[in-house]
mmCIF file of all heavy atoms, coordinates in Angstrom:
data_MODEL
# 
_entry.id   MODEL 
# 
loop_
_atom_site.group_PDB 
_atom_site.id 
_atom_site.type_symbol 
_atom_site.label_atom_id 
_atom_site.label_alt_id 
_atom_site.label_comp_id 
_atom_site.label_asym_id 
_atom_site.label_entity_id 
_atom_site.label_seq_id 
_atom_site.pdbx_PDB_ins_code 
_atom_site.Cartn_x 
_atom_site.Cartn_y 
_atom_site.Cartn_z 
_atom_site.occupancy 
_atom_site.B_iso_or_equiv 
_atom_site.pdbx_formal_charge 
_atom_site.auth_seq_id 
_atom_site.auth_comp_id 
_atom_site.auth_asym_id 
_atom_site.auth_atom_id 
_atom_site.pdbx_PDB_model_num 
ATOM 1   N N   . PRO A 1 1  ? 87.314 33.072 -18.303 1.00 0.00 ? 1  PRO A N   1 
ATOM 2   C CA  . PRO A 1 1  ? 88.408 32.660 -17.422 1.00 0.00 ? 1  PRO A CA  1 
ATOM 3   C C   . PRO A 1 1  ? 87.831 31.954 -16.204 1.00 0.00 ? 1  PRO A C   1 
ATOM 4   O O   . PRO A 1 1  ? 86.854 32.420 -15.619 1.00 0.00 ? 1  PRO A O   1 
ATOM 5   C CB  . PRO A 1 1  ? 89.077 33.981 -17.044 1.00 0.00 ? 1  PRO A CB  1 
ATOM 6   C CG  . PRO A 1 1  ? 88.065 35.038 -17.313 1.00 0.00 ? 1  PRO A CG  1 
ATOM 7   C CD  . PRO A 1 1  ? 87.182 34.536 -18.407 1.00 0.00 ? 1  PRO A CD  1 
ATOM 8   N N   . PHE A 1 2  ? 88.405 30.801 -15.842 1.00 0.00 ? 2  PHE A N   1 
ATOM 9   C CA  . PHE A 1 2  ? 87.849 30.097 -14.697 1.00 0.00 ? 2  PHE A CA  1 
ATOM 10  C C   . PHE A 1 2  ? 88.948 29.378 -13.925 1.00 0.00 ? 2  PHE A C   1 
ATOM 11  O O   . PHE A 1 2  ? 90.041 29.121 -14.440 1.00 0.00 ? 2  PHE A O   1 
ATOM 12  C CB  . PHE A 1 2  ? 86.745 29.118 -15.130 1.00 0.00 ? 2  PHE A CB  1 
ATOM 13  C CG  . PHE A 1 2  ? 87.229 27.784 -15.626 1.00 0.00 ? 2  PHE A CG  1 
ATOM 14  C CD1 . PHE A 1 2  ? 87.202 26.668 -14.813 1.00 0.00 ? 2  PHE A CD1 1 
ATOM 15  C CD2 . PHE A 1 2  ? 87.700 27.639 -16.926 1.00 0.00 ? 2  PHE A CD2 1 
ATOM 16  C CE1 . PHE A 1 2  ? 87.633 25.428 -15.266 1.00 0.00 ? 2  PHE A CE1 1 
ATOM 17  C CE2 . PHE A 1 2  ? 88.125 26.412 -17.396 1.00 0.00 ? 2  PHE A CE2 1 
ATOM 18  C CZ  . PHE A 1 2  ? 88.094 25.294 -16.570 1.00 0.00 ? 2  PHE A CZ  1 
ATOM 19  N N   . ILE A 1 3  ? 88.614 29.098 -12.698 1.00 0.00 ? 3  ILE A N   1 
ATOM 20  C CA  . ILE A 1 3  ? 89.485 28.337 -11.816 1.00 0.00 ? 3  ILE A CA  1 
ATOM 21  C C   . ILE A 1 3  ? 88.623 27.287 -11.150 1.00 0.00 ? 3  ILE A C   1 
ATOM 22  O O   . ILE A 1 3  ? 87.432 27.524 -10.888 1.00 0.00 ? 3  ILE A O   1 
ATOM 23  C CB  . ILE A 1 3  ? 90.165 29.264 -10.773 1.00 0.00 ? 3  ILE A CB  1 
ATOM 24  C CG1 . ILE A 1 3  ? 91.249 28.525 -10.009 1.00 0.00 ? 3  ILE A CG1 1 
ATOM 25  C CG2 . ILE A 1 3  ? 89.145 29.858 -9.825  1.00 0.00 ? 3  ILE A CG2 1 
ATOM 26  C CD1 . ILE A 1 3  ? 92.047 29.434 -9.074  1.00 0.00 ? 3  ILE A CD1 1 
ATOM 27  N N   . GLU A 1 4  ? 89.182 26.114 -10.914 1.00 0.00 ? 4  GLU A N   1 
ATOM 28  C CA  . GLU A 1 4  ? 88.429 25.066 -10.229 1.00 0.00 ? 4  GLU A CA  1 
ATOM 29  C C   . GLU A 1 4  ? 88.969 24.915 -8.816  1.00 0.00 ? 4  GLU A C   1 
ATOM 30  O O   . GLU A 1 4  ? 90.175 24.799 -8.614  1.00 0.00 ? 4  GLU A O   1 
ATOM 31  C CB  . GLU A 1 4  ? 88.530 23.750 -10.988 1.00 0.00 ? 4  GLU A CB  1 
ATOM 32  C CG  . GLU A 1 4  ? 87.564 22.710 -10.486 1.00 0.00 ? 4  GLU A CG  1 
ATOM 33  C CD  . GLU A 1 4  ? 87.317 21.612 -11.517 1.00 0.00 ? 4  GLU A CD  1 
ATOM 34  O OE1 . GLU A 1 4  ? 86.497 21.838 -12.437 1.00 0.00 ? 4  GLU A OE1 1 
ATOM 35  O OE2 . GLU A 1 4  ? 87.950 20.561 -11.402 1.00 0.00 ? 4  GLU A OE2 1 
ATOM 36  N N   . ALA A 1 5  ? 88.066 24.954 -7.868  1.00 0.00 ? 5  ALA A N   1 
ATOM 37  C CA  . ALA A 1 5  ? 88.426 24.792 -6.459  1.00 0.00 ? 5  ALA A CA  1 
ATOM 38  C C   . ALA A 1 5  ? 87.649 23.624 -5.902  1.00 0.00 ? 5  ALA A C   1 
ATOM 39  O O   . ALA A 1 5  ? 86.530 23.333 -6.340  1.00 0.00 ? 5  ALA A O   1 
ATOM 40  C CB  . ALA A 1 5  ? 88.107 26.059 -5.673  1.00 0.00 ? 5  ALA A CB  1 
ATOM 41  N N   . THR A 1 6  ? 88.226 22.927 -4.952  1.00 0.00 ? 6  THR A N   1 
ATOM 42  C CA  . THR A 1 6  ? 87.533 21.793 -4.343  1.00 0.00 ? 6  THR A CA  1 
ATOM 43  C C   . THR A 1 6  ? 87.077 22.145 -2.938  1.00 0.00 ? 6  THR A C   1 
ATOM 44  O O   . THR A 1 6  ? 87.757 22.871 -2.200  1.00 0.00 ? 6  THR A O   1 
ATOM 45  C CB  . THR A 1 6  ? 88.426 20.536 -4.282  1.00 0.00 ? 6  THR A CB  1 
ATOM 46  O OG1 . THR A 1 6  ? 89.480 20.744 -3.339  1.00 0.00 ? 6  THR A OG1 1 
ATOM 47  C CG2 . THR A 1 6  ? 88.999 20.225 -5.659  1.00 0.00 ? 6  THR A CG2 1 
ATOM 48  N N   . TYR A 1 7  ? 85.930 21.624 -2.605  1.00 0.00 ? 7  TYR A N   1 
ATOM 49  C CA  . TYR A 1 7  ? 85.354 21.817 -1.274  1.00 0.00 ? 7  TYR A CA  1 
ATOM 50  C C   . TYR A 1 7  ? 86.313 21.305 -0.204  1.00 0.00 ? 7  TYR A C   1 
ATOM 51  O O   . TYR A 1 7  ? 86.519 21.939 0.838   1.00 0.00 ? 7  TYR A O   1 
ATOM 52  C CB  . TYR A 1 7  ? 84.022 21.078 -1.222  1.00 0.00 ? 7  TYR A CB  1 
ATOM 53  C CG  . TYR A 1 7  ? 83.280 21.145 0.087   1.00 0.00 ? 7  TYR A CG  1 
ATOM 54  C CD1 . TYR A 1 7  ? 82.464 22.228 0.386   1.00 0.00 ? 7  TYR A CD1 1 
ATOM 55  C CD2 . TYR A 1 7  ? 83.366 20.106 1.011   1.00 0.00 ? 7  TYR A CD2 1 
ATOM 56  C CE1 . TYR A 1 7  ? 81.766 22.277 1.582   1.00 0.00 ? 7  TYR A CE1 1 
ATOM 57  C CE2 . TYR A 1 7  ? 82.668 20.146 2.206   1.00 0.00 ? 7  TYR A CE2 1 
ATOM 58  C CZ  . TYR A 1 7  ? 81.870 21.243 2.483   1.00 0.00 ? 7  TYR A CZ  1 
ATOM 59  O OH  . TYR A 1 7  ? 81.184 21.293 3.666   1.00 0.00 ? 7  TYR A OH  1 
ATOM 60  N N   . GLU A 1 8  ? 86.928 20.175 -0.486  1.00 0.00 ? 8  GLU A N   1 
ATOM 61  C CA  . GLU A 1 8  ? 87.828 19.560 0.487   1.00 0.00 ? 8  GLU A CA  1 
ATOM 62  C C   . GLU A 1 8  ? 89.051 20.441 0.755   1.00 0.00 ? 8  GLU A C   1 
ATOM 63  O O   . GLU A 1 8  ? 89.491 20.595 1.899   1.00 0.00 ? 8  GLU A O   1 
ATOM 64  C CB  . GLU A 1 8  ? 88.266 18.180 -0.011  1.00 0.00 ? 8  GLU A CB  1 
ATOM 65  C CG  . GLU A 1 8  ? 87.161 17.121 0.029   1.00 0.00 ? 8  GLU A CG  1 
ATOM 66  C CD  . GLU A 1 8  ? 86.222 17.152 -1.166  1.00 0.00 ? 8  GLU A CD  1 
ATOM 67  O OE1 . GLU A 1 8  ? 86.397 18.022 -2.048  1.00 0.00 ? 8  GLU A OE1 1 
ATOM 68  O OE2 . GLU A 1 8  ? 85.317 16.313 -1.217  1.00 0.00 ? 8  GLU A OE2 1 
ATOM 69  N N   . ALA A 1 9  ? 89.602 21.053 -0.311  1.00 0.00 ? 9  ALA A N   1 
ATOM 70  C CA  . ALA A 1 9  ? 90.778 21.912 -0.144  1.00 0.00 ? 9  ALA A CA  1 
ATOM 71  C C   . ALA A 1 9  ? 90.434 23.180 0.623   1.00 0.00 ? 9  ALA A C   1 
ATOM 72  O O   . ALA A 1 9  ? 91.247 23.689 1.402   1.00 0.00 ? 9  ALA A O   1 
ATOM 73  C CB  . ALA A 1 9  ? 91.373 22.259 -1.505  1.00 0.00 ? 9  ALA A CB  1 
ATOM 74  N N   . LEU A 1 10 ? 89.226 23.690 0.419   1.00 0.00 ? 10 LEU A N   1 
ATOM 75  C CA  . LEU A 1 10 ? 88.812 24.889 1.154   1.00 0.00 ? 10 LEU A CA  1 
ATOM 76  C C   . LEU A 1 10 ? 88.723 24.619 2.650   1.00 0.00 ? 10 LEU A C   1 
ATOM 77  O O   . LEU A 1 10 ? 88.973 25.509 3.469   1.00 0.00 ? 10 LEU A O   1 
ATOM 78  C CB  . LEU A 1 10 ? 87.454 25.381 0.639   1.00 0.00 ? 10 LEU A CB  1 
ATOM 79  C CG  . LEU A 1 10 ? 87.464 26.043 -0.738  1.00 0.00 ? 10 LEU A CG  1 
ATOM 80  C CD1 . LEU A 1 10 ? 86.038 26.330 -1.192  1.00 0.00 ? 10 LEU A CD1 1 
ATOM 81  C CD2 . LEU A 1 10 ? 88.274 27.330 -0.729  1.00 0.00 ? 10 LEU A CD2 1 
ATOM 82  N N   . LEU A 1 11 ? 88.383 23.389 3.013   1.00 0.00 ? 11 LEU A N   1 
ATOM 83  C CA  . LEU A 1 11 ? 88.292 23.044 4.433   1.00 0.00 ? 11 LEU A CA  1 
ATOM 84  C C   . LEU A 1 11 ? 89.664 22.874 5.081   1.00 0.00 ? 11 LEU A C   1 
ATOM 85  O O   . LEU A 1 11 ? 89.786 22.979 6.300   1.00 0.00 ? 11 LEU A O   1 
ATOM 86  C CB  . LEU A 1 11 ? 87.488 21.752 4.618   1.00 0.00 ? 11 LEU A CB  1 
ATOM 87  C CG  . LEU A 1 11 ? 85.998 21.818 4.289   1.00 0.00 ? 11 LEU A CG  1 
ATOM 88  C CD1 . LEU A 1 11 ? 85.378 20.439 4.432   1.00 0.00 ? 11 LEU A CD1 1 
ATOM 89  C CD2 . LEU A 1 11 ? 85.281 22.819 5.184   1.00 0.00 ? 11 LEU A CD2 1 
ATOM 90  N N   . GLU A 1 12 ? 90.676 22.618 4.262   1.00 0.00 ? 12 GLU A N   1 
ATOM 91  C CA  . GLU A 1 12 ? 91.997 22.317 4.812   1.00 0.00 ? 12 GLU A CA  1 
ATOM 92  C C   . GLU A 1 12 ? 92.735 23.546 5.330   1.00 0.00 ? 12 GLU A C   1 
ATOM 93  O O   . GLU A 1 12 ? 93.570 23.435 6.220   1.00 0.00 ? 12 GLU A O   1 
ATOM 94  C CB  . GLU A 1 12 ? 92.846 21.619 3.748   1.00 0.00 ? 12 GLU A CB  1 
ATOM 95  C CG  . GLU A 1 12 ? 92.395 20.184 3.466   1.00 0.00 ? 12 GLU A CG  1 
ATOM 96  C CD  . GLU A 1 12 ? 93.216 19.534 2.367   1.00 0.00 ? 12 GLU A CD  1 
ATOM 97  O OE1 . GLU A 1 12 ? 94.141 20.207 1.843   1.00 0.00 ? 12 GLU A OE1 1 
ATOM 98  O OE2 . GLU A 1 12 ? 92.937 18.371 2.019   1.00 0.00 ? 12 GLU A OE2 1 
ATOM 99  N N   . GLY A 1 13 ? 92.473 24.716 4.767   1.00 0.00 ? 13 GLY A N   1 
ATOM 100 C CA  . GLY A 1 13 ? 93.207 25.890 5.226   1.00 0.00 ? 13 GLY A CA  1 
ATOM 101 C C   . GLY A 1 13 ? 93.050 27.060 4.287   1.00 0.00 ? 13 GLY A C   1 
ATOM 102 O O   . GLY A 1 13 ? 92.171 27.103 3.425   1.00 0.00 ? 13 GLY A O   1 
ATOM 103 N N   . GLU A 1 14 ? 93.960 28.042 4.436   1.00 0.00 ? 14 GLU A N   1 
ATOM 104 C CA  . GLU A 1 14 ? 93.848 29.304 3.735   1.00 0.00 ? 14 GLU A CA  1 
ATOM 105 C C   . GLU A 1 14 ? 94.409 29.283 2.317   1.00 0.00 ? 14 GLU A C   1 
ATOM 106 O O   . GLU A 1 14 ? 94.157 30.199 1.535   1.00 0.00 ? 14 GLU A O   1 
ATOM 107 C CB  . GLU A 1 14 ? 94.588 30.395 4.542   1.00 0.00 ? 14 GLU A CB  1 
ATOM 108 C CG  . GLU A 1 14 ? 93.993 30.656 5.918   1.00 0.00 ? 14 GLU A CG  1 
ATOM 109 C CD  . GLU A 1 14 ? 92.604 31.266 5.820   1.00 0.00 ? 14 GLU A CD  1 
ATOM 110 O OE1 . GLU A 1 14 ? 92.452 32.296 5.153   1.00 0.00 ? 14 GLU A OE1 1 
ATOM 111 O OE2 . GLU A 1 14 ? 91.668 30.678 6.404   1.00 0.00 ? 14 GLU A OE2 1 
ATOM 112 N N   . GLN A 1 15 ? 95.176 28.261 1.969   1.00 0.00 ? 15 GLN A N   1 
ATOM 113 C CA  . GLN A 1 15 ? 95.870 28.266 0.685   1.00 0.00 ? 15 GLN A CA  1 
ATOM 114 C C   . GLN A 1 15 ? 94.904 28.316 -0.496  1.00 0.00 ? 15 GLN A C   1 
ATOM 115 O O   . GLN A 1 15 ? 95.132 29.046 -1.469  1.00 0.00 ? 15 GLN A O   1 
ATOM 116 C CB  . GLN A 1 15 ? 96.777 27.039 0.565   1.00 0.00 ? 15 GLN A CB  1 
ATOM 117 C CG  . GLN A 1 15 ? 97.650 27.050 -0.679  1.00 0.00 ? 15 GLN A CG  1 
ATOM 118 C CD  . GLN A 1 15 ? 98.661 25.910 -0.683  1.00 0.00 ? 15 GLN A CD  1 
ATOM 119 O OE1 . GLN A 1 15 ? 98.814 25.194 0.295   1.00 0.00 ? 15 GLN A OE1 1 
ATOM 120 N NE2 . GLN A 1 15 ? 99.344 25.746 -1.798  1.00 0.00 ? 15 GLN A NE2 1 
ATOM 121 N N   . GLU A 1 16 ? 93.823 27.572 -0.415  1.00 0.00 ? 16 GLU A N   1 
ATOM 122 C CA  . GLU A 1 16 ? 92.858 27.559 -1.520  1.00 0.00 ? 16 GLU A CA  1 
ATOM 123 C C   . GLU A 1 16 ? 92.133 28.898 -1.627  1.00 0.00 ? 16 GLU A C   1 
ATOM 124 O O   . GLU A 1 16 ? 91.880 29.392 -2.729  1.00 0.00 ? 16 GLU A O   1 
ATOM 125 C CB  . GLU A 1 16 ? 91.861 26.413 -1.330  1.00 0.00 ? 16 GLU A CB  1 
ATOM 126 C CG  . GLU A 1 16 ? 90.992 26.128 -2.537  1.00 0.00 ? 16 GLU A CG  1 
ATOM 127 C CD  . GLU A 1 16 ? 91.698 25.336 -3.628  1.00 0.00 ? 16 GLU A CD  1 
ATOM 128 O OE1 . GLU A 1 16 ? 92.944 25.330 -3.659  1.00 0.00 ? 16 GLU A OE1 1 
ATOM 129 O OE2 . GLU A 1 16 ? 91.005 24.732 -4.461  1.00 0.00 ? 16 GLU A OE2 1 
ATOM 130 N N   . PHE A 1 17 ? 91.806 29.498 -0.479  1.00 0.00 ? 17 PHE A N   1 
ATOM 131 C CA  . PHE A 1 17 ? 91.184 30.821 -0.500  1.00 0.00 ? 17 PHE A CA  1 
ATOM 132 C C   . PHE A 1 17 ? 92.124 31.839 -1.136  1.00 0.00 ? 17 PHE A C   1 
ATOM 133 O O   . PHE A 1 17 ? 91.699 32.688 -1.919  1.00 0.00 ? 17 PHE A O   1 
ATOM 134 C CB  . PHE A 1 17 ? 90.821 31.264 0.920   1.00 0.00 ? 17 PHE A CB  1 
ATOM 135 C CG  . PHE A 1 17 ? 89.550 30.657 1.450   1.00 0.00 ? 17 PHE A CG  1 
ATOM 136 C CD1 . PHE A 1 17 ? 89.593 29.669 2.408   1.00 0.00 ? 17 PHE A CD1 1 
ATOM 137 C CD2 . PHE A 1 17 ? 88.316 31.079 0.992   1.00 0.00 ? 17 PHE A CD2 1 
ATOM 138 C CE1 . PHE A 1 17 ? 88.430 29.102 2.901   1.00 0.00 ? 17 PHE A CE1 1 
ATOM 139 C CE2 . PHE A 1 17 ? 87.140 30.529 1.479   1.00 0.00 ? 17 PHE A CE2 1 
ATOM 140 C CZ  . PHE A 1 17 ? 87.198 29.532 2.439   1.00 0.00 ? 17 PHE A CZ  1 
ATOM 141 N N   . ALA A 1 18 ? 93.396 31.767 -0.788  1.00 0.00 ? 18 ALA A N   1 
ATOM 142 C CA  . ALA A 1 18 ? 94.381 32.700 -1.341  1.00 0.00 ? 18 ALA A CA  1 
ATOM 143 C C   . ALA A 1 18 ? 94.487 32.551 -2.847  1.00 0.00 ? 18 ALA A C   1 
ATOM 144 O O   . ALA A 1 18 ? 94.610 33.537 -3.589  1.00 0.00 ? 18 ALA A O   1 
ATOM 145 C CB  . ALA A 1 18 ? 95.739 32.462 -0.679  1.00 0.00 ? 18 ALA A CB  1 
ATOM 146 N N   . ARG A 1 19 ? 94.444 31.323 -3.330  1.00 0.00 ? 19 ARG A N   1 
ATOM 147 C CA  . ARG A 1 19 ? 94.514 31.062 -4.773  1.00 0.00 ? 19 ARG A CA  1 
ATOM 148 C C   . ARG A 1 19 ? 93.310 31.670 -5.491  1.00 0.00 ? 19 ARG A C   1 
ATOM 149 O O   . ARG A 1 19 ? 93.443 32.253 -6.574  1.00 0.00 ? 19 ARG A O   1 
ATOM 150 C CB  . ARG A 1 19 ? 94.577 29.552 -5.012  1.00 0.00 ? 19 ARG A CB  1 
ATOM 151 C CG  . ARG A 1 19 ? 94.920 29.141 -6.433  1.00 0.00 ? 19 ARG A CG  1 
ATOM 152 C CD  . ARG A 1 19 ? 95.198 27.641 -6.499  1.00 0.00 ? 19 ARG A CD  1 
ATOM 153 N NE  . ARG A 1 19 ? 94.002 26.852 -6.292  1.00 0.00 ? 19 ARG A NE  1 
ATOM 154 C CZ  . ARG A 1 19 ? 93.227 26.400 -7.286  1.00 0.00 ? 19 ARG A CZ  1 
ATOM 155 N NH1 . ARG A 1 19 ? 93.541 26.662 -8.541  1.00 0.00 ? 19 ARG A NH1 1 
ATOM 156 N NH2 . ARG A 1 19 ? 92.167 25.668 -7.019  1.00 0.00 ? 19 ARG A NH2 1 
ATOM 157 N N   . ILE A 1 20 ? 92.128 31.563 -4.879  1.00 0.00 ? 20 ILE A N   1 
ATOM 158 C CA  . ILE A 1 20 ? 90.915 32.132 -5.468  1.00 0.00 ? 20 ILE A CA  1 
ATOM 159 C C   . ILE A 1 20 ? 90.995 33.659 -5.472  1.00 0.00 ? 20 ILE A C   1 
ATOM 160 O O   . ILE A 1 20 ? 90.627 34.309 -6.461  1.00 0.00 ? 20 ILE A O   1 
ATOM 161 C CB  . ILE A 1 20 ? 89.669 31.644 -4.702  1.00 0.00 ? 20 ILE A CB  1 
ATOM 162 C CG1 . ILE A 1 20 ? 89.484 30.138 -4.902  1.00 0.00 ? 20 ILE A CG1 1 
ATOM 163 C CG2 . ILE A 1 20 ? 88.425 32.395 -5.149  1.00 0.00 ? 20 ILE A CG2 1 
ATOM 164 C CD1 . ILE A 1 20 ? 88.413 29.532 -4.025  1.00 0.00 ? 20 ILE A CD1 1 
ATOM 165 N N   . CYS A 1 21 ? 91.467 34.252 -4.371  1.00 0.00 ? 21 CYS A N   1 
ATOM 166 C CA  . CYS A 1 21 ? 91.600 35.711 -4.306  1.00 0.00 ? 21 CYS A CA  1 
ATOM 167 C C   . CYS A 1 21 ? 92.531 36.227 -5.395  1.00 0.00 ? 21 CYS A C   1 
ATOM 168 O O   . CYS A 1 21 ? 92.260 37.245 -6.046  1.00 0.00 ? 21 CYS A O   1 
ATOM 169 C CB  . CYS A 1 21 ? 92.119 36.134 -2.924  1.00 0.00 ? 21 CYS A CB  1 
ATOM 170 S SG  . CYS A 1 21 ? 90.910 35.971 -1.592  1.00 0.00 ? 21 CYS A SG  1 
ATOM 171 N N   . THR A 1 22 ? 93.635 35.525 -5.608  1.00 0.00 ? 22 THR A N   1 
ATOM 172 C CA  . THR A 1 22 ? 94.571 35.915 -6.662  1.00 0.00 ? 22 THR A CA  1 
ATOM 173 C C   . THR A 1 22 ? 93.902 35.864 -8.023  1.00 0.00 ? 22 THR A C   1 
ATOM 174 O O   . THR A 1 22 ? 94.054 36.782 -8.851  1.00 0.00 ? 22 THR A O   1 
ATOM 175 C CB  . THR A 1 22 ? 95.806 34.999 -6.650  1.00 0.00 ? 22 THR A CB  1 
ATOM 176 O OG1 . THR A 1 22 ? 96.462 35.111 -5.383  1.00 0.00 ? 22 THR A OG1 1 
ATOM 177 C CG2 . THR A 1 22 ? 96.780 35.373 -7.752  1.00 0.00 ? 22 THR A CG2 1 
ATOM 178 N N   . PHE A 1 23 ? 93.142 34.807 -8.284  1.00 0.00 ? 23 PHE A N   1 
ATOM 179 C CA  . PHE A 1 23 ? 92.443 34.663 -9.556  1.00 0.00 ? 23 PHE A CA  1 
ATOM 180 C C   . PHE A 1 23 ? 91.442 35.793 -9.770  1.00 0.00 ? 23 PHE A C   1 
ATOM 181 O O   . PHE A 1 23 ? 91.290 36.317 -10.880 1.00 0.00 ? 23 PHE A O   1 
ATOM 182 C CB  . PHE A 1 23 ? 91.738 33.308 -9.600  1.00 0.00 ? 23 PHE A CB  1 
ATOM 183 C CG  . PHE A 1 23 ? 90.767 33.148 -10.736 1.00 0.00 ? 23 PHE A CG  1 
ATOM 184 C CD1 . PHE A 1 23 ? 91.213 32.983 -12.035 1.00 0.00 ? 23 PHE A CD1 1 
ATOM 185 C CD2 . PHE A 1 23 ? 89.395 33.151 -10.492 1.00 0.00 ? 23 PHE A CD2 1 
ATOM 186 C CE1 . PHE A 1 23 ? 90.313 32.834 -13.086 1.00 0.00 ? 23 PHE A CE1 1 
ATOM 187 C CE2 . PHE A 1 23 ? 88.498 33.003 -11.533 1.00 0.00 ? 23 PHE A CE2 1 
ATOM 188 C CZ  . PHE A 1 23 ? 88.961 32.849 -12.832 1.00 0.00 ? 23 PHE A CZ  1 
ATOM 189 N N   . LEU A 1 24 ? 90.723 36.192 -8.711  1.00 0.00 ? 24 LEU A N   1 
ATOM 190 C CA  . LEU A 1 24 ? 89.704 37.232 -8.809  1.00 0.00 ? 24 LEU A CA  1 
ATOM 191 C C   . LEU A 1 24 ? 90.293 38.634 -8.782  1.00 0.00 ? 24 LEU A C   1 
ATOM 192 O O   . LEU A 1 24 ? 89.580 39.614 -9.016  1.00 0.00 ? 24 LEU A O   1 
ATOM 193 C CB  . LEU A 1 24 ? 88.677 37.078 -7.683  1.00 0.00 ? 24 LEU A CB  1 
ATOM 194 C CG  . LEU A 1 24 ? 87.838 35.798 -7.697  1.00 0.00 ? 24 LEU A CG  1 
ATOM 195 C CD1 . LEU A 1 24 ? 86.938 35.736 -6.472  1.00 0.00 ? 24 LEU A CD1 1 
ATOM 196 C CD2 . LEU A 1 24 ? 87.003 35.709 -8.968  1.00 0.00 ? 24 LEU A CD2 1 
ATOM 197 N N   . GLY A 1 25 ? 91.581 38.728 -8.466  1.00 0.00 ? 25 GLY A N   1 
ATOM 198 C CA  . GLY A 1 25 ? 92.225 40.031 -8.436  1.00 0.00 ? 25 GLY A CA  1 
ATOM 199 C C   . GLY A 1 25 ? 91.842 40.870 -7.239  1.00 0.00 ? 25 GLY A C   1 
ATOM 200 O O   . GLY A 1 25 ? 91.797 42.101 -7.314  1.00 0.00 ? 25 GLY A O   1 
ATOM 201 N N   . ILE A 1 26 ? 91.562 40.207 -6.124  1.00 0.00 ? 26 ILE A N   1 
ATOM 202 C CA  . ILE A 1 26 ? 91.219 40.936 -4.899  1.00 0.00 ? 26 ILE A CA  1 
ATOM 203 C C   . ILE A 1 26 ? 92.292 40.672 -3.855  1.00 0.00 ? 26 ILE A C   1 
ATOM 204 O O   . ILE A 1 26 ? 92.904 39.605 -3.842  1.00 0.00 ? 26 ILE A O   1 
ATOM 205 C CB  . ILE A 1 26 ? 89.827 40.536 -4.360  1.00 0.00 ? 26 ILE A CB  1 
ATOM 206 C CG1 . ILE A 1 26 ? 89.760 39.038 -4.082  1.00 0.00 ? 26 ILE A CG1 1 
ATOM 207 C CG2 . ILE A 1 26 ? 88.746 40.938 -5.341  1.00 0.00 ? 26 ILE A CG2 1 
ATOM 208 C CD1 . ILE A 1 26 ? 88.427 38.579 -3.513  1.00 0.00 ? 26 ILE A CD1 1 
ATOM 209 N N   . PRO A 1 27 ? 92.554 41.654 -2.971  1.00 0.00 ? 27 PRO A N   1 
ATOM 210 C CA  . PRO A 1 27 ? 93.587 41.460 -1.960  1.00 0.00 ? 27 PRO A CA  1 
ATOM 211 C C   . PRO A 1 27 ? 93.251 40.309 -1.027  1.00 0.00 ? 27 PRO A C   1 
ATOM 212 O O   . PRO A 1 27 ? 92.084 40.100 -0.675  1.00 0.00 ? 27 PRO A O   1 
ATOM 213 C CB  . PRO A 1 27 ? 93.602 42.795 -1.196  1.00 0.00 ? 27 PRO A CB  1 
ATOM 214 C CG  . PRO A 1 27 ? 92.893 43.768 -2.086  1.00 0.00 ? 27 PRO A CG  1 
ATOM 215 C CD  . PRO A 1 27 ? 91.910 42.977 -2.877  1.00 0.00 ? 27 PRO A CD  1 
ATOM 216 N N   . ARG A 1 28 ? 94.266 39.580 -0.642  1.00 0.00 ? 28 ARG A N   1 
ATOM 217 C CA  . ARG A 1 28 ? 94.058 38.514 0.336   1.00 0.00 ? 28 ARG A CA  1 
ATOM 218 C C   . ARG A 1 28 ? 93.751 39.143 1.691   1.00 0.00 ? 28 ARG A C   1 
ATOM 219 O O   . ARG A 1 28 ? 94.474 40.028 2.148   1.00 0.00 ? 28 ARG A O   1 
ATOM 220 C CB  . ARG A 1 28 ? 95.297 37.638 0.427   1.00 0.00 ? 28 ARG A CB  1 
ATOM 221 C CG  . ARG A 1 28 ? 95.147 36.465 1.383   1.00 0.00 ? 28 ARG A CG  1 
ATOM 222 C CD  . ARG A 1 28 ? 96.383 35.596 1.378   1.00 0.00 ? 28 ARG A CD  1 
ATOM 223 N NE  . ARG A 1 28 ? 96.268 34.514 2.332   1.00 0.00 ? 28 ARG A NE  1 
ATOM 224 C CZ  . ARG A 1 28 ? 97.190 33.581 2.530   1.00 0.00 ? 28 ARG A CZ  1 
ATOM 225 N NH1 . ARG A 1 28 ? 98.301 33.607 1.795   1.00 0.00 ? 28 ARG A NH1 1 
ATOM 226 N NH2 . ARG A 1 28 ? 97.018 32.628 3.420   1.00 0.00 ? 28 ARG A NH2 1 
# 
């Protein structure tokens, strides 16, 4: 199982981090 995240989106704000946390099954 994998998710693709972009460096640019991570710099923009918390939304990309939240998406990764959801994928990993860890609390935001």
